Structures are given as C-alpha cells and as structure tokens.
C-alpha cells in the first residue's frame, strides 16, 4: 500500500512541475516578454532542475526496486 501512495506522490510532483512551467510561460507571454535564457538564469535554473530530477528519479527507481 505504501508503494501506491509514493507513486501517487511522484505523479502529482510531475503534474506540479508541468503546471509551474506552464504558469511561468503564460505569465511571460501575458506581459509580452520574449523567452530568453541568459547565463545568469541558466546558472540559477540548472542546479535546481538537476537536483529535483535526481530526487524524483531516485524515488521512482526505489519504487520499482521495491516491487
């Protein structure tokens, strides 16, 4: 039973990621700003994204390993 709860948590995490990306995109488009990523934005965004993806993939790996 705890595996199904963890799978549900991972599913909602991916949904929240997609909603966050979509919300930022819509916010930028509503203010007529272009989508550009300069060096500073990549330096902030990339470590956050990498750590988050590692944590989610580790959780998914442990979920499949436990079954």
N, C-alpha and C. Protein backbone atom coordinates (compact mmCIF):
# COMPACT_ATOMS: atom_id res chain seq x y z
N UNK A 1 0.82 -1.20 0.00
CA UNK A 1 0.00 0.00 0.00
C UNK A 1 0.86 1.25 0.00
N UNK A 2 1.99 1.25 0.69
CA UNK A 2 2.82 2.45 0.75
C UNK A 2 3.45 2.75 -0.61
N UNK A 3 3.67 1.72 -1.44
CA UNK A 3 4.21 1.96 -2.78
C UNK A 3 3.24 2.73 -3.65
N UNK A 4 1.97 2.41 -3.54
CA UNK A 4 0.98 3.11 -4.36
C UNK A 4 0.86 4.57 -3.93
N UNK A 5 1.01 4.83 -2.64
CA UNK A 5 0.97 6.21 -2.16
C UNK A 5 2.17 6.98 -2.69
N UNK A 6 3.33 6.35 -2.71
CA UNK A 6 4.53 7.00 -3.21
C UNK A 6 4.43 7.25 -4.70
N UNK A 7 3.86 6.31 -5.45
CA UNK A 7 3.66 6.51 -6.89
C UNK A 7 2.70 7.67 -7.14
N UNK A 8 1.68 7.77 -6.32
CA UNK A 8 0.75 8.89 -6.44
C UNK A 8 1.46 10.21 -6.17
N UNK A 9 2.33 10.24 -5.17
CA UNK A 9 3.12 11.43 -4.86
C UNK A 9 4.01 11.83 -6.03
N UNK A 10 4.68 10.85 -6.65
CA UNK A 10 5.53 11.15 -7.80
C UNK A 10 4.70 11.67 -8.98
N UNK A 11 3.54 11.10 -9.18
CA UNK A 11 2.67 11.59 -10.26
C UNK A 11 2.25 13.02 -10.05
N UNK A 12 1.86 13.37 -8.83
CA UNK A 12 1.49 14.75 -8.54
C UNK A 12 2.69 15.69 -8.63
N UNK A 13 3.87 15.19 -8.30
CA UNK A 13 5.07 16.03 -8.42
C UNK A 13 5.31 16.40 -9.88
N UNK A 14 5.18 15.44 -10.77
CA UNK A 14 5.36 15.75 -12.19
C UNK A 14 4.27 16.69 -12.70
N UNK A 15 3.05 16.53 -12.23
CA UNK A 15 1.97 17.44 -12.63
C UNK A 15 2.28 18.86 -12.15
N UNK A 16 2.77 19.01 -10.92
CA UNK A 16 3.11 20.34 -10.41
C UNK A 16 4.25 20.97 -11.19
N UNK A 17 5.21 20.16 -11.61
CA UNK A 17 6.31 20.68 -12.43
C UNK A 17 5.76 21.25 -13.74
N UNK A 18 4.91 20.48 -14.39
CA UNK A 18 4.33 20.94 -15.66
C UNK A 18 3.46 22.17 -15.47
N UNK A 19 2.70 22.23 -14.39
CA UNK A 19 1.87 23.41 -14.13
C UNK A 19 2.74 24.63 -13.85
N UNK A 20 3.85 24.45 -13.15
CA UNK A 20 4.75 25.57 -12.87
C UNK A 20 5.39 26.12 -14.13
N UNK A 21 5.84 25.21 -14.99
CA UNK A 21 6.45 25.65 -16.26
C UNK A 21 5.40 26.36 -17.12
N UNK A 22 4.22 25.79 -17.18
CA UNK A 22 3.15 26.43 -17.95
C UNK A 22 2.73 27.77 -17.39
N UNK A 23 2.68 27.89 -16.06
CA UNK A 23 2.32 29.16 -15.44
C UNK A 23 3.33 30.25 -15.71
N UNK A 24 4.60 29.90 -15.64
CA UNK A 24 5.64 30.89 -15.93
C UNK A 24 5.58 31.31 -17.39
N UNK A 25 5.36 30.34 -18.27
CA UNK A 25 5.27 30.65 -19.70
C UNK A 25 4.08 31.57 -19.97
N UNK A 26 2.94 31.27 -19.37
CA UNK A 26 1.77 32.13 -19.58
C UNK A 26 1.96 33.52 -18.99
N UNK A 27 2.62 33.60 -17.85
CA UNK A 27 2.90 34.90 -17.24
C UNK A 27 3.81 35.74 -18.12
N UNK A 28 4.82 35.12 -18.68
CA UNK A 28 5.73 35.85 -19.55
C UNK A 28 5.04 36.27 -20.83
N UNK A 29 4.20 35.41 -21.37
CA UNK A 29 3.50 35.76 -22.62
C UNK A 29 2.45 36.85 -22.38
N UNK A 30 1.87 36.90 -21.21
CA UNK A 30 0.85 37.92 -20.95
C UNK A 30 1.46 39.30 -20.83
N UNK A 31 2.74 39.36 -20.49
CA UNK A 31 3.43 40.65 -20.38
C UNK A 31 4.24 40.96 -21.62
N UNK A 32 4.02 40.22 -22.70
CA UNK A 32 4.68 40.41 -23.99
C UNK A 32 6.20 40.37 -23.87
N UNK A 33 6.71 39.50 -23.04
CA UNK A 33 8.14 39.32 -22.92
C UNK A 33 8.56 38.12 -23.75
N UNK A 34 9.77 38.17 -24.25
CA UNK A 34 10.27 37.05 -25.03
C UNK A 34 10.87 36.00 -24.10
N UNK A 35 10.93 34.78 -24.60
CA UNK A 35 11.54 33.70 -23.84
C UNK A 35 13.04 33.69 -24.11
N UNK A 36 13.80 34.20 -23.21
CA UNK A 36 15.24 34.17 -23.39
C UNK A 36 15.88 33.76 -22.07
N UNK A 37 16.88 32.95 -22.19
CA UNK A 37 17.61 32.50 -21.02
C UNK A 37 19.05 32.98 -21.14
N UNK A 38 19.41 33.93 -20.32
CA UNK A 38 20.80 34.37 -20.32
C UNK A 38 21.62 33.49 -19.39
N UNK A 39 22.89 33.78 -19.27
CA UNK A 39 23.81 32.95 -18.49
C UNK A 39 23.41 32.89 -17.02
N UNK A 40 22.98 33.99 -16.45
CA UNK A 40 22.61 34.01 -15.04
C UNK A 40 21.36 33.17 -14.77
N UNK A 41 20.41 33.22 -15.67
CA UNK A 41 19.19 32.42 -15.48
C UNK A 41 19.51 30.93 -15.55
N UNK A 42 20.39 30.55 -16.44
CA UNK A 42 20.76 29.14 -16.55
C UNK A 42 21.52 28.69 -15.31
N UNK A 43 22.39 29.55 -14.76
CA UNK A 43 23.14 29.20 -13.55
C UNK A 43 22.23 29.01 -12.34
N UNK A 44 21.11 29.67 -12.31
CA UNK A 44 20.16 29.51 -11.21
C UNK A 44 19.24 28.32 -11.47
N UNK A 45 18.75 28.19 -12.69
CA UNK A 45 17.74 27.21 -13.02
C UNK A 45 18.30 25.79 -13.12
N UNK A 46 19.47 25.64 -13.69
CA UNK A 46 20.02 24.32 -13.95
C UNK A 46 20.30 23.50 -12.68
N UNK A 47 20.96 24.04 -11.65
CA UNK A 47 21.17 23.23 -10.44
C UNK A 47 19.87 22.82 -9.74
N UNK A 48 18.89 23.70 -9.75
CA UNK A 48 17.60 23.36 -9.14
C UNK A 48 16.95 22.23 -9.90
N UNK A 49 16.95 22.31 -11.21
CA UNK A 49 16.33 21.29 -12.04
C UNK A 49 17.06 19.95 -11.92
N UNK A 50 18.38 19.97 -11.91
CA UNK A 50 19.15 18.73 -11.84
C UNK A 50 18.89 18.02 -10.51
N UNK A 51 18.93 18.74 -9.41
CA UNK A 51 18.70 18.12 -8.10
C UNK A 51 17.27 17.57 -8.00
N UNK A 52 16.31 18.31 -8.51
CA UNK A 52 14.92 17.86 -8.47
C UNK A 52 14.73 16.61 -9.31
N UNK A 53 15.32 16.57 -10.49
CA UNK A 53 15.20 15.38 -11.34
C UNK A 53 15.91 14.18 -10.73
N UNK A 54 17.05 14.39 -10.08
CA UNK A 54 17.75 13.29 -9.41
C UNK A 54 16.89 12.73 -8.29
N UNK A 55 16.28 13.62 -7.51
CA UNK A 55 15.45 13.16 -6.39
C UNK A 55 14.23 12.38 -6.88
N UNK A 56 13.58 12.87 -7.93
CA UNK A 56 12.40 12.17 -8.45
C UNK A 56 12.78 10.85 -9.11
N UNK A 57 13.88 10.84 -9.84
CA UNK A 57 14.28 9.58 -10.47
C UNK A 57 14.74 8.56 -9.42
N UNK A 58 15.39 9.02 -8.35
CA UNK A 58 15.76 8.11 -7.28
C UNK A 58 14.53 7.51 -6.63
N UNK A 59 13.53 8.34 -6.40
CA UNK A 59 12.28 7.84 -5.82
C UNK A 59 11.60 6.83 -6.74
N UNK A 60 11.60 7.11 -8.03
CA UNK A 60 10.98 6.17 -8.97
C UNK A 60 11.79 4.88 -9.05
N UNK A 61 13.11 4.98 -9.00
CA UNK A 61 13.96 3.78 -9.01
C UNK A 61 13.72 2.93 -7.77
N UNK A 62 13.64 3.56 -6.61
CA UNK A 62 13.41 2.82 -5.38
C UNK A 62 12.01 2.19 -5.38
N UNK A 63 11.06 2.86 -6.02
CA UNK A 63 9.71 2.31 -6.12
C UNK A 63 9.69 1.05 -6.97
N UNK A 64 10.41 1.08 -8.09
CA UNK A 64 10.43 -0.10 -8.95
C UNK A 64 11.30 -1.20 -8.35
N UNK A 65 12.33 -0.85 -7.63
CA UNK A 65 13.20 -1.84 -7.00
C UNK A 65 12.48 -2.57 -5.87
N UNK A 66 11.62 -1.86 -5.16
CA UNK A 66 10.91 -2.44 -4.03
C UNK A 66 9.80 -3.40 -4.44
N UNK A 67 9.33 -3.30 -5.67
CA UNK A 67 8.22 -4.17 -6.12
C UNK A 67 8.65 -5.56 -6.42
